[in-house]
C-alpha atoms as a PDB file:
ATOM      1  CA  UNK A   1     -13.231  -1.086   1.937  1.00  0.00           C
ATOM      2  CA  UNK A   2     -11.663   1.392  -0.452  1.00  0.00           C
ATOM      3  CA  UNK A   3     -10.121   0.539  -3.809  1.00  0.00           C
ATOM      4  CA  UNK A   4      -6.707   1.759  -4.938  1.00  0.00           C
ATOM      5  CA  UNK A   5      -5.923   1.522  -8.650  1.00  0.00           C
ATOM      6  CA  UNK A   6      -2.279   1.106  -9.602  1.00  0.00           C
ATOM      7  CA  UNK A   7      -0.877   1.383 -13.110  1.00  0.00           C
ATOM      8  CA  UNK A   8       2.450  -0.349 -12.451  1.00  0.00           C
ATOM      9  CA  UNK A   9       2.870  -3.848 -11.098  1.00  0.00           C
ATOM     10  CA  UNK A  10       4.602  -4.354  -8.810  1.00  0.00           C
ATOM     11  CA  UNK A  11       4.526  -1.115  -6.813  1.00  0.00           C
ATOM     12  CA  UNK A  12       6.389  -0.602  -3.532  1.00  0.00           C
ATOM     13  CA  UNK A  13       4.259  -0.508  -0.390  1.00  0.00           C
ATOM     14  CA  UNK A  14       5.574   2.802   0.963  1.00  0.00           C
ATOM     15  CA  UNK A  15       4.859   4.513  -2.372  1.00  0.00           C
ATOM     16  CA  UNK A  16       1.217   3.450  -2.271  1.00  0.00           C
ATOM     17  CA  UNK A  17       0.846   4.830   1.261  1.00  0.00           C
ATOM     18  CA  UNK A  18       2.477   8.109   0.217  1.00  0.00           C
ATOM     19  CA  UNK A  19       0.758   8.679  -3.133  1.00  0.00           C
ATOM     20  CA  UNK A  20      -2.690   7.697  -1.855  1.00  0.00           C
ATOM     21  CA  UNK A  21      -2.431  10.147   1.066  1.00  0.00           C
ATOM     22  CA  UNK A  22      -2.549   7.410   3.708  1.00  0.00           C
ATOM     23  CA  UNK A  23       0.757   8.850   4.934  1.00  0.00           C
ATOM     24  CA  UNK A  24       1.686  12.527   4.630  1.00  0.00           C
ATOM     25  CA  UNK A  25       5.039  11.753   2.990  1.00  0.00           C
ATOM     26  CA  UNK A  26       7.473   8.963   2.197  1.00  0.00           C
ATOM     27  CA  UNK A  27       9.264   9.228   5.530  1.00  0.00           C
ATOM     28  CA  UNK A  28       6.028   8.832   7.446  1.00  0.00           C
ATOM     29  CA  UNK A  29       5.003   5.894   5.242  1.00  0.00           C
ATOM     30  CA  UNK A  30       8.308   4.122   5.915  1.00  0.00           C
ATOM     31  CA  UNK A  31       7.991   4.806   9.644  1.00  0.00           C
ATOM     32  CA  UNK A  32       4.449   3.408   9.756  1.00  0.00           C
ATOM     33  CA  UNK A  33       5.653   0.230   8.077  1.00  0.00           C
ATOM     34  CA  UNK A  34       8.730  -0.125  10.323  1.00  0.00           C
ATOM     35  CA  UNK A  35       6.559   0.283  13.426  1.00  0.00           C
ATOM     36  CA  UNK A  36       4.247  -2.541  12.341  1.00  0.00           C
ATOM     37  CA  UNK A  37       1.201  -0.334  11.715  1.00  0.00           C
ATOM     38  CA  UNK A  38       0.555  -1.778   8.253  1.00  0.00           C
ATOM     39  CA  UNK A  39      -1.036  -5.135   7.479  1.00  0.00           C
ATOM     40  CA  UNK A  40      -0.652  -6.761   4.083  1.00  0.00           C
ATOM     41  CA  UNK A  41      -3.084  -9.564   3.350  1.00  0.00           C
ATOM     42  CA  UNK A  42      -3.825  -9.896   7.075  1.00  0.00           C
ATOM     43  CA  UNK A  43      -0.201 -10.041   8.265  1.00  0.00           C
ATOM     44  CA  UNK A  44       2.020  -7.323   9.699  1.00  0.00           C
ATOM     45  CA  UNK A  45       4.368  -6.102   6.978  1.00  0.00           C
ATOM     46  CA  UNK A  46       7.676  -4.444   7.923  1.00  0.00           C
ATOM     47  CA  UNK A  47       9.341  -4.327   4.501  1.00  0.00           C
ATOM     48  CA  UNK A  48       9.107  -0.752   3.209  1.00  0.00           C
ATOM     49  CA  UNK A  49       9.820  -1.770  -0.357  1.00  0.00           C
ATOM     50  CA  UNK A  50       7.547  -4.825  -0.338  1.00  0.00           C
ATOM     51  CA  UNK A  51       6.202  -5.318  -3.850  1.00  0.00           C
ATOM     52  CA  UNK A  52       2.427  -4.906  -4.029  1.00  0.00           C
ATOM     53  CA  UNK A  53       0.399  -6.490  -6.818  1.00  0.00           C
ATOM     54  CA  UNK A  54      -3.219  -6.521  -7.924  1.00  0.00           C
ATOM     55  CA  UNK A  55      -5.426  -8.360  -5.453  1.00  0.00           C
ATOM     56  CA  UNK A  56      -3.396  -7.438  -2.365  1.00  0.00           C
ATOM     57  CA  UNK A  57      -5.205  -6.035   0.665  1.00  0.00           C
ATOM     58  CA  UNK A  58      -3.575  -3.303   2.760  1.00  0.00           C
ATOM     59  CA  UNK A  59      -4.892  -2.352   6.199  1.00  0.00           C
ATOM     60  CA  UNK A  60      -3.816   0.823   8.004  1.00  0.00           C
ATOM     61  CA  UNK A  61      -5.496   2.533  10.966  1.00  0.00           C
ATOM     62  CA  UNK A  62      -8.506   0.215  10.726  1.00  0.00           C
ATOM     63  CA  UNK A  63      -9.074   1.150   7.062  1.00  0.00           C
ATOM     64  CA  UNK A  64      -8.872  -1.485   4.319  1.00  0.00           C
ATOM     65  CA  UNK A  65      -7.621  -0.881   0.782  1.00  0.00           C
ATOM     66  CA  UNK A  66      -7.964  -3.382  -2.082  1.00  0.00           C
ATOM     67  CA  UNK A  67      -5.294  -3.042  -4.777  1.00  0.00           C
ATOM     68  CA  UNK A  68      -6.518  -3.237  -8.372  1.00  0.00           C
ATOM     69  CA  UNK A  69      -4.323  -3.020 -11.473  1.00  0.00           C
ATOM     70  CA  UNK A  70      -5.571  -0.655 -14.167  1.00  0.00           C
ATOM     71  CA  UNK A  71      -3.841  -0.832 -17.522  1.00  0.00           C
ATOM     72  CA  UNK A  72      -3.004   2.788 -18.476  1.00  0.00           C
ATOM     73  CA  UNK A  73      -3.033   1.938 -22.187  1.00  0.00           C
ATOM     74  CA  UNK A  74      -6.760   1.161 -22.142  1.00  0.00           C
END
């Protein structure tokens, strides 16, 4: 399982996929979500703008990603 650190809570699901390189771009990220290729906390997630918070688990292409909040001021 890989860890993804976010500095803003909540963050939209498609943005995490795009900025972490899981998808090549925002359009691909949105398409992956719409097609049901993304699991959030073990359930298929089809909301592109679903708010992701620390502790969430994203699964894409048999890879798991744990979301961790990192305070940028520290």
